[in-house]
Amino acid sequence: MLTQRDAKVMELLPDIEVPSLIVVGADDTPFLAASDYMAAKIPGAHKVVIPAAGHAVNIDQPQAFVDAVVPFLKNLPHEAGREGT
């Protein structure tokens, strides 16, 4: 979002219709405001701030990242009639 040349990405955030998880590191100062904006604009989005992490949350705090992502994924609605389920 910070490097886009126009507002296309930001304008389309309200149109996202899939469950969304926004993960940001508490020390990723340049992206904290952007993550707030995304969480506010994407309908139903969930935001998690990982302490003691910068931009590479999954590298800085891998277990905290997993602890945020796995419950989110487990709580996603299951599609009825999906193949292989």
PDB file of N, CA and C in Angstrom:
ATOM      1  N   MET A   1       0.813  -1.190   0.000  1.00  0.00           N
ATOM      2  CA  MET A   1       0.000   0.000   0.000  1.00  0.00           C
ATOM      3  C   MET A   1       0.858   1.256   0.000  1.00  0.00           C
ATOM      4  N   LEU A   2       1.994   1.217   0.676  1.00  0.00           N
ATOM      5  CA  LEU A   2       2.808   2.416   0.781  1.00  0.00           C
ATOM      6  C   LEU A   2       3.535   2.748  -0.512  1.00  0.00           C
ATOM      7  N   THR A   3       3.712   1.780  -1.395  1.00  0.00           N
ATOM      8  CA  THR A   3       4.471   2.029  -2.618  1.00  0.00           C
ATOM      9  C   THR A   3       3.601   2.166  -3.860  1.00  0.00           C
ATOM     10  N   GLN A   4       2.302   2.109  -3.713  1.00  0.00           N
ATOM     11  CA  GLN A   4       1.451   2.202  -4.900  1.00  0.00           C
ATOM     12  C   GLN A   4       1.474   3.600  -5.481  1.00  0.00           C
ATOM     13  N   ARG A   5       1.266   3.680  -6.763  1.00  0.00           N
ATOM     14  CA  ARG A   5       1.309   4.966  -7.477  1.00  0.00           C
ATOM     15  C   ARG A   5      -0.039   5.674  -7.488  1.00  0.00           C
ATOM     16  N   ASP A   6      -1.096   4.925  -7.209  1.00  0.00           N
ATOM     17  CA  ASP A   6      -2.426   5.514  -7.170  1.00  0.00           C
ATOM     18  C   ASP A   6      -3.174   4.891  -5.992  1.00  0.00           C
ATOM     19  N   ALA A   7      -4.444   5.129  -5.901  1.00  0.00           N
ATOM     20  CA  ALA A   7      -5.214   4.654  -4.756  1.00  0.00           C
ATOM     21  C   ALA A   7      -6.010   3.388  -5.049  1.00  0.00           C
ATOM     22  N   LYS A   8      -5.709   2.689  -6.153  1.00  0.00           N
ATOM     23  CA  LYS A   8      -6.516   1.532  -6.552  1.00  0.00           C
ATOM     24  C   LYS A   8      -6.623   0.474  -5.453  1.00  0.00           C
ATOM     25  N   VAL A   9      -5.515   0.130  -4.843  1.00  0.00           N
ATOM     26  CA  VAL A   9      -5.541  -0.908  -3.811  1.00  0.00           C
ATOM     27  C   VAL A   9      -6.389  -0.447  -2.624  1.00  0.00           C
ATOM     28  N   MET A  10      -6.161   0.747  -2.175  1.00  0.00           N
ATOM     29  CA  MET A  10      -6.900   1.255  -1.015  1.00  0.00           C
ATOM     30  C   MET A  10      -8.392   1.366  -1.307  1.00  0.00           C
ATOM     31  N   GLU A  11      -8.735   1.762  -2.512  1.00  0.00           N
ATOM     32  CA  GLU A  11     -10.147   1.905  -2.875  1.00  0.00           C
ATOM     33  C   GLU A  11     -10.865   0.569  -2.945  1.00  0.00           C
ATOM     34  N   LEU A  12     -10.118  -0.512  -3.206  1.00  0.00           N
ATOM     35  CA  LEU A  12     -10.738  -1.830  -3.351  1.00  0.00           C
ATOM     36  C   LEU A  12     -10.837  -2.606  -2.038  1.00  0.00           C
ATOM     37  N   LEU A  13     -10.223  -2.134  -0.984  1.00  0.00           N
ATOM     38  CA  LEU A  13     -10.265  -2.871   0.283  1.00  0.00           C
ATOM     39  C   LEU A  13     -11.689  -3.176   0.754  1.00  0.00           C
ATOM     40  N   PRO A  14     -12.634  -2.245   0.672  1.00  0.00           N
ATOM     41  CA  PRO A  14     -13.993  -2.563   1.114  1.00  0.00           C
ATOM     42  C   PRO A  14     -14.684  -3.651   0.286  1.00  0.00           C
ATOM     43  N   ASP A  15     -14.135  -3.966  -0.885  1.00  0.00           N
ATOM     44  CA  ASP A  15     -14.730  -4.985  -1.748  1.00  0.00           C
ATOM     45  C   ASP A  15     -14.240  -6.400  -1.439  1.00  0.00           C
ATOM     46  N   ILE A  16     -13.289  -6.532  -0.533  1.00  0.00           N
ATOM     47  CA  ILE A  16     -12.772  -7.857  -0.189  1.00  0.00           C
ATOM     48  C   ILE A  16     -13.864  -8.640   0.519  1.00  0.00           C
ATOM     49  N   GLU A  17     -14.147  -9.834   0.024  1.00  0.00           N
ATOM     50  CA  GLU A  17     -15.254 -10.638   0.538  1.00  0.00           C
ATOM     51  C   GLU A  17     -14.799 -11.946   1.171  1.00  0.00           C
ATOM     52  N   VAL A  18     -13.533 -12.071   1.445  1.00  0.00           N
ATOM     53  CA  VAL A  18     -13.018 -13.283   2.078  1.00  0.00           C
ATOM     54  C   VAL A  18     -12.502 -12.928   3.465  1.00  0.00           C
ATOM     55  N   PRO A  19     -12.498 -13.895   4.378  1.00  0.00           N
ATOM     56  CA  PRO A  19     -11.952 -13.617   5.705  1.00  0.00           C
ATOM     57  C   PRO A  19     -10.507 -13.130   5.579  1.00  0.00           C
ATOM     58  N   SER A  20     -10.199 -12.099   6.337  1.00  0.00           N
ATOM     59  CA  SER A  20      -8.878 -11.469   6.217  1.00  0.00           C
ATOM     60  C   SER A  20      -8.244 -11.308   7.593  1.00  0.00           C
ATOM     61  N   LEU A  21      -6.986 -11.664   7.666  1.00  0.00           N
ATOM     62  CA  LEU A  21      -6.197 -11.495   8.880  1.00  0.00           C
ATOM     63  C   LEU A  21      -5.041 -10.566   8.553  1.00  0.00           C
ATOM     64  N   ILE A  22      -4.927  -9.515   9.307  1.00  0.00           N
ATOM     65  CA  ILE A  22      -3.843  -8.562   9.130  1.00  0.00           C
ATOM     66  C   ILE A  22      -2.893  -8.768  10.300  1.00  0.00           C
ATOM     67  N   VAL A  23      -1.669  -9.141   9.983  1.00  0.00           N
ATOM     68  CA  VAL A  23      -0.656  -9.378  11.010  1.00  0.00           C
ATOM     69  C   VAL A  23       0.431  -8.332  10.831  1.00  0.00           C
ATOM     70  N   VAL A  24       0.756  -7.646  11.913  1.00  0.00           N
ATOM     71  CA  VAL A  24       1.776  -6.601  11.855  1.00  0.00           C
ATOM     72  C   VAL A  24       2.639  -6.698  13.105  1.00  0.00           C
ATOM     73  N   GLY A  25       3.905  -6.407  12.935  1.00  0.00           N
ATOM     74  CA  GLY A  25       4.809  -6.371  14.073  1.00  0.00           C
ATOM     75  C   GLY A  25       4.685  -5.057  14.819  1.00  0.00           C
ATOM     76  N   ALA A  26       4.721  -5.110  16.127  1.00  0.00           N
ATOM     77  CA  ALA A  26       4.591  -3.901  16.946  1.00  0.00           C
ATOM     78  C   ALA A  26       5.712  -2.905  16.665  1.00  0.00           C
ATOM     79  N   ASP A  27       6.852  -3.408  16.223  1.00  0.00           N
ATOM     80  CA  ASP A  27       7.992  -2.535  15.933  1.00  0.00           C
ATOM     81  C   ASP A  27       8.065  -2.113  14.465  1.00  0.00           C
ATOM     82  N   ASP A  28       7.077  -2.472  13.686  1.00  0.00           N
ATOM     83  CA  ASP A  28       7.051  -2.124  12.258  1.00  0.00           C
ATOM     84  C   ASP A  28       6.362  -0.767  12.095  1.00  0.00           C
ATOM     85  N   THR A  29       6.981   0.239  12.664  1.00  0.00           N
ATOM     86  CA  THR A  29       6.395   1.573  12.759  1.00  0.00           C
ATOM     87  C   THR A  29       5.826   2.104  11.448  1.00  0.00           C
ATOM     88  N   PRO A  30       6.521   1.968  10.309  1.00  0.00           N
ATOM     89  CA  PRO A  30       5.965   2.519   9.071  1.00  0.00           C
ATOM     90  C   PRO A  30       4.651   1.859   8.638  1.00  0.00           C
ATOM     91  N   PHE A  31       4.377   0.650   9.123  1.00  0.00           N
ATOM     92  CA  PHE A  31       3.196  -0.077   8.650  1.00  0.00           C
ATOM     93  C   PHE A  31       2.072  -0.171   9.676  1.00  0.00           C
ATOM     94  N   LEU A  32       2.262   0.381  10.861  1.00  0.00           N
ATOM     95  CA  LEU A  32       1.203   0.310  11.874  1.00  0.00           C
ATOM     96  C   LEU A  32      -0.047   1.056  11.425  1.00  0.00           C
ATOM     97  N   ALA A  33       0.113   2.246  10.909  1.00  0.00           N
ATOM     98  CA  ALA A  33      -1.047   3.014  10.450  1.00  0.00           C
ATOM     99  C   ALA A  33      -1.702   2.338   9.248  1.00  0.00           C
ATOM    100  N   ALA A  34      -0.902   1.786   8.352  1.00  0.00           N
ATOM    101  CA  ALA A  34      -1.462   1.081   7.186  1.00  0.00           C
ATOM    102  C   ALA A  34      -2.260  -0.138   7.627  1.00  0.00           C
ATOM    103  N   SER A  35      -1.779  -0.845   8.636  1.00  0.00           N
ATOM    104  CA  SER A  35      -2.516  -2.029   9.112  1.00  0.00           C
ATOM    105  C   SER A  35      -3.826  -1.613   9.772  1.00  0.00           C
ATOM    106  N   ASP A  36      -3.821  -0.490  10.485  1.00  0.00           N
ATOM    107  CA  ASP A  36      -5.074   0.027  11.059  1.00  0.00           C
ATOM    108  C   ASP A  36      -6.063   0.369   9.957  1.00  0.00           C
ATOM    109  N   TYR A  37      -5.559   1.000   8.913  1.00  0.00           N
ATOM    110  CA  TYR A  37      -6.412   1.397   7.797  1.00  0.00           C
ATOM    111  C   TYR A  37      -7.025   0.161   7.128  1.00  0.00           C
ATOM    112  N   MET A  38      -6.182  -0.842   6.859  1.00  0.00           N
ATOM    113  CA  MET A  38      -6.693  -2.066   6.226  1.00  0.00           C
ATOM    114  C   MET A  38      -7.732  -2.741   7.111  1.00  0.00           C
ATOM    115  N   ALA A  39      -7.456  -2.829   8.392  1.00  0.00           N
ATOM    116  CA  ALA A  39      -8.398  -3.480   9.306  1.00  0.00           C
ATOM    117  C   ALA A  39      -9.729  -2.741   9.355  1.00  0.00           C
ATOM    118  N   ALA A  40      -9.680  -1.423   9.231  1.00  0.00           N
ATOM    119  CA  ALA A  40     -10.909  -0.633   9.254  1.00  0.00           C
ATOM    120  C   ALA A  40     -11.692  -0.724   7.951  1.00  0.00           C
ATOM    121  N   LYS A  41     -11.006  -0.907   6.843  1.00  0.00           N
ATOM    122  CA  LYS A  41     -11.660  -0.875   5.530  1.00  0.00           C
ATOM    123  C   LYS A  41     -12.100  -2.246   5.021  1.00  0.00           C
ATOM    124  N   ILE A  42     -11.415  -3.312   5.417  1.00  0.00           N
ATOM    125  CA  ILE A  42     -11.792  -4.654   4.958  1.00  0.00           C
ATOM    126  C   ILE A  42     -12.903  -5.167   5.866  1.00  0.00           C
ATOM    127  N   PRO A  43     -14.065  -5.450   5.309  1.00  0.00           N
ATOM    128  CA  PRO A  43     -15.185  -5.903   6.141  1.00  0.00           C
ATOM    129  C   PRO A  43     -14.835  -7.160   6.945  1.00  0.00           C
ATOM    130  N   GLY A  44     -15.029  -7.073   8.248  1.00  0.00           N
ATOM    131  CA  GLY A  44     -14.814  -8.233   9.118  1.00  0.00           C
ATOM    132  C   GLY A  44     -13.364  -8.612   9.339  1.00  0.00           C
ATOM    133  N   ALA A  45     -12.440  -7.780   8.917  1.00  0.00           N
ATOM    134  CA  ALA A  45     -11.019  -8.127   9.062  1.00  0.00           C
ATOM    135  C   ALA A  45     -10.629  -8.211  10.533  1.00  0.00           C
ATOM    136  N   HIS A  46      -9.704  -9.108  10.802  1.00  0.00           N
ATOM    137  CA  HIS A  46      -9.129  -9.251  12.137  1.00  0.00           C
ATOM    138  C   HIS A  46      -7.684  -8.774  12.053  1.00  0.00           C
ATOM    139  N   LYS A  47      -7.247  -8.090  13.086  1.00  0.00           N
ATOM    140  CA  LYS A  47      -5.875  -7.587  13.119  1.00  0.00           C
ATOM    141  C   LYS A  47      -5.184  -8.114  14.368  1.00  0.00           C
ATOM    142  N   VAL A  48      -3.944  -8.545  14.186  1.00  0.00           N
ATOM    143  CA  VAL A  48      -3.127  -9.006  15.297  1.00  0.00           C
ATOM    144  C   VAL A  48      -1.802  -8.249  15.245  1.00  0.00           C
ATOM    145  N   VAL A  49      -1.427  -7.687  16.376  1.00  0.00           N
ATOM    146  CA  VAL A  49      -0.139  -7.012  16.507  1.00  0.00           C
ATOM    147  C   VAL A  49       0.772  -7.929  17.317  1.00  0.00           C
ATOM    148  N   ILE A  50       1.892  -8.284  16.731  1.00  0.00           N
ATOM    149  CA  ILE A  50       2.837  -9.197  17.372  1.00  0.00           C
ATOM    150  C   ILE A  50       3.918  -8.377  18.080  1.00  0.00           C
ATOM    151  N   PRO A  51       4.027  -8.522  19.401  1.00  0.00           N
ATOM    152  CA  PRO A  51       5.057  -7.785  20.137  1.00  0.00           C
ATOM    153  C   PRO A  51       6.468  -8.219  19.731  1.00  0.00           C
ATOM    154  N   ALA A  52       7.404  -7.312  19.889  1.00  0.00           N
ATOM    155  CA  ALA A  52       8.828  -7.577  19.637  1.00  0.00           C
ATOM    156  C   ALA A  52       9.081  -8.115  18.229  1.00  0.00           C
ATOM    157  N   ALA A  53       8.335  -7.605  17.263  1.00  0.00           N
ATOM    158  CA  ALA A  53       8.509  -8.027  15.868  1.00  0.00           C
ATOM    159  C   ALA A  53       8.501  -6.797  14.976  1.00  0.00           C
ATOM    160  N   GLY A  54       9.281  -6.890  13.909  1.00  0.00           N
ATOM    161  CA  GLY A  54       9.316  -5.826  12.919  1.00  0.00           C
ATOM    162  C   GLY A  54       8.507  -6.223  11.704  1.00  0.00           C
ATOM    163  N   HIS A  55       9.012  -5.894  10.525  1.00  0.00           N
ATOM    164  CA  HIS A  55       8.282  -6.150   9.286  1.00  0.00           C
ATOM    165  C   HIS A  55       8.211  -7.640   8.958  1.00  0.00           C
ATOM    166  N   ALA A  56       9.210  -8.398   9.348  1.00  0.00           N
ATOM    167  CA  ALA A  56       9.229  -9.845   9.079  1.00  0.00           C
ATOM    168  C   ALA A  56       8.732 -10.588  10.320  1.00  0.00           C
ATOM    169  N   VAL A  57       7.458 -10.414  10.618  1.00  0.00           N
ATOM    170  CA  VAL A  57       6.872 -10.990  11.831  1.00  0.00           C
ATOM    171  C   VAL A  57       7.125 -12.489  11.915  1.00  0.00           C
ATOM    172  N   ASN A  58       6.941 -13.185  10.818  1.00  0.00           N
ATOM    173  CA  ASN A  58       7.087 -14.642  10.825  1.00  0.00           C
ATOM    174  C   ASN A  58       8.517 -15.078  11.113  1.00  0.00           C
ATOM    175  N   ILE A  59       9.483 -14.203  10.872  1.00  0.00           N
ATOM    176  CA  ILE A  59      10.884 -14.514  11.169  1.00  0.00           C
ATOM    177  C   ILE A  59      11.254 -14.012  12.560  1.00  0.00           C
ATOM    178  N   ASP A  60      10.799 -12.812  12.900  1.00  0.00           N
ATOM    179  CA  ASP A  60      11.125 -12.229  14.196  1.00  0.00           C
ATOM    180  C   ASP A  60      10.487 -12.997  15.355  1.00  0.00           C
ATOM    181  N   GLN A  61       9.253 -13.390  15.194  1.00  0.00           N
ATOM    182  CA  GLN A  61       8.498 -14.086  16.243  1.00  0.00           C
ATOM    183  C   GLN A  61       7.700 -15.235  15.620  1.00  0.00           C
ATOM    184  N   PRO A  62       8.391 -16.289  15.181  1.00  0.00           N
ATOM    185  CA  PRO A  62       7.690 -17.348  14.441  1.00  0.00           C
ATOM    186  C   PRO A  62       6.567 -18.019  15.230  1.00  0.00           C
ATOM    187  N   GLN A  63       6.762 -18.270  16.498  1.00  0.00           N
ATOM    188  CA  GLN A  63       5.707 -18.946  17.257  1.00  0.00           C
ATOM    189  C   GLN A  63       4.498 -18.035  17.456  1.00  0.00           C
ATOM    190  N   ALA A  64       4.734 -16.771  17.724  1.00  0.00           N
ATOM    191  CA  ALA A  64       3.626 -15.821  17.866  1.00  0.00           C
ATOM    192  C   ALA A  64       2.862 -15.692  16.550  1.00  0.00           C
ATOM    193  N   PHE A  65       3.586 -15.735  15.437  1.00  0.00           N
ATOM    194  CA  PHE A  65       2.945 -15.684  14.120  1.00  0.00           C
ATOM    195  C   PHE A  65       2.036 -16.897  13.930  1.00  0.00           C
ATOM    196  N   VAL A  66       2.572 -18.070  14.229  1.00  0.00           N
ATOM    197  CA  VAL A  66       1.782 -19.306  14.110  1.00  0.00           C
ATOM    198  C   VAL A  66       0.580 -19.248  15.051  1.00  0.00           C
ATOM    199  N   ASP A  67       0.802 -18.755  16.269  1.00  0.00           N
ATOM    200  CA  ASP A  67      -0.283 -18.672  17.247  1.00  0.00           C
ATOM    201  C   ASP A  67      -1.385 -17.710  16.798  1.00  0.00           C
ATOM    202  N   ALA A  68      -1.068 -16.781  15.926  1.00  0.00           N
ATOM    203  CA  ALA A  68      -2.081 -15.865  15.389  1.00  0.00           C
ATOM    204  C   ALA A  68      -2.771 -16.460  14.164  1.00  0.00           C
ATOM    205  N   VAL A  69      -2.009 -17.095  13.298  1.00  0.00           N
ATOM    206  CA  VAL A  69      -2.551 -17.558  12.021  1.00  0.00           C
ATOM    207  C   VAL A  69      -3.354 -18.853  12.155  1.00  0.00           C
ATOM    208  N   VAL A  70      -2.860 -19.800  12.921  1.00  0.00           N
ATOM    209  CA  VAL A  70      -3.537 -21.107  12.999  1.00  0.00           C
ATOM    210  C   VAL A  70      -4.972 -20.989  13.526  1.00  0.00           C
ATOM    211  N   PRO A  71      -5.222 -20.296  14.634  1.00  0.00           N
ATOM    212  CA  PRO A  71      -6.624 -20.169  15.075  1.00  0.00           C
ATOM    213  C   PRO A  71      -7.507 -19.462  14.049  1.00  0.00           C
ATOM    214  N   PHE A  72      -6.945 -18.468  13.370  1.00  0.00           N
ATOM    215  CA  PHE A  72      -7.707 -17.785  12.326  1.00  0.00           C
ATOM    216  C   PHE A  72      -8.118 -18.777  11.244  1.00  0.00           C
ATOM    217  N   LEU A  73      -7.168 -19.585  10.799  1.00  0.00           N
ATOM    218  CA  LEU A  73      -7.463 -20.570   9.754  1.00  0.00           C
ATOM    219  C   LEU A  73      -8.449 -21.629  10.240  1.00  0.00           C
ATOM    220  N   LYS A  74      -8.296 -22.071  11.468  1.00  0.00           N
ATOM    221  CA  LYS A  74      -9.201 -23.092  12.013  1.00  0.00           C
ATOM    222  C   LYS A  74     -10.628 -22.581  12.144  1.00  0.00           C
ATOM    223  N   ASN A  75     -10.788 -21.288  12.296  1.00  0.00           N
ATOM    224  CA  ASN A  75     -12.120 -20.713  12.465  1.00  0.00           C
ATOM    225  C   ASN A  75     -12.768 -20.272  11.162  1.00  0.00           C
ATOM    226  N   LEU A  76     -12.093 -20.503  10.050  1.00  0.00           N
ATOM    227  CA  LEU A  76     -12.697 -20.160   8.766  1.00  0.00           C
ATOM    228  C   LEU A  76     -13.898 -21.051   8.508  1.00  0.00           C
ATOM    229  N   PRO A  77     -14.924 -20.514   7.895  1.00  0.00           N
ATOM    230  CA  PRO A  77     -16.082 -21.353   7.567  1.00  0.00           C
ATOM    231  C   PRO A  77     -15.690 -22.428   6.562  1.00  0.00           C
ATOM    232  N   HIS A  78     -16.225 -23.598   6.777  1.00  0.00           N
ATOM    233  CA  HIS A  78     -15.967 -24.710   5.855  1.00  0.00           C
ATOM    234  C   HIS A  78     -17.025 -24.700   4.769  1.00  0.00           C
ATOM    235  N   GLU A  79     -16.589 -24.898   3.544  1.00  0.00           N
ATOM    236  CA  GLU A  79     -17.522 -24.953   2.420  1.00  0.00           C
ATOM    237  C   GLU A  79     -18.187 -26.320   2.384  1.00  0.00           C
ATOM    238  N   ALA A  80     -19.482 -26.344   2.311  1.00  0.00           N
ATOM    239  CA  ALA A  80     -20.214 -27.600   2.212  1.00  0.00           C
ATOM    240  C   ALA A  80     -20.001 -28.188   0.836  1.00  0.00           C
ATOM    241  N   GLY A  81     -19.783 -29.480   0.787  1.00  0.00           N
ATOM    242  CA  GLY A  81     -19.668 -30.167  -0.480  1.00  0.00           C
ATOM    243  C   GLY A  81     -18.330 -30.025  -1.172  1.00  0.00           C
ATOM    244  N   ARG A  82     -17.317 -29.541  -0.463  1.00  0.00           N
ATOM    245  CA  ARG A  82     -16.002 -29.451  -1.085  1.00  0.00           C
ATOM    246  C   ARG A  82     -15.459 -30.834  -1.350  1.00  0.00           C
ATOM    247  N   GLU A  83     -14.772 -30.988  -2.469  1.00  0.00           N
ATOM    248  CA  GLU A  83     -14.162 -32.286  -2.781  1.00  0.00           C
ATOM    249  C   GLU A  83     -13.084 -32.606  -1.768  1.00  0.00           C
ATOM    250  N   GLY A  84     -12.996 -33.858  -1.389  1.00  0.00           N
ATOM    251  CA  GLY A  84     -11.949 -34.304  -0.489  1.00  0.00           C
ATOM    252  C   GLY A  84     -12.235 -34.039   0.964  1.00  0.00           C
ATOM    253  N   THR A  85     -13.451 -33.528   1.291  1.00  0.00           N
ATOM    254  CA  THR A  85     -13.757 -33.297   2.702  1.00  0.00           C
ATOM    255  C   THR A  85     -14.891 -34.169   3.154  1.00  0.00           C
TER     256      THR A  85
END
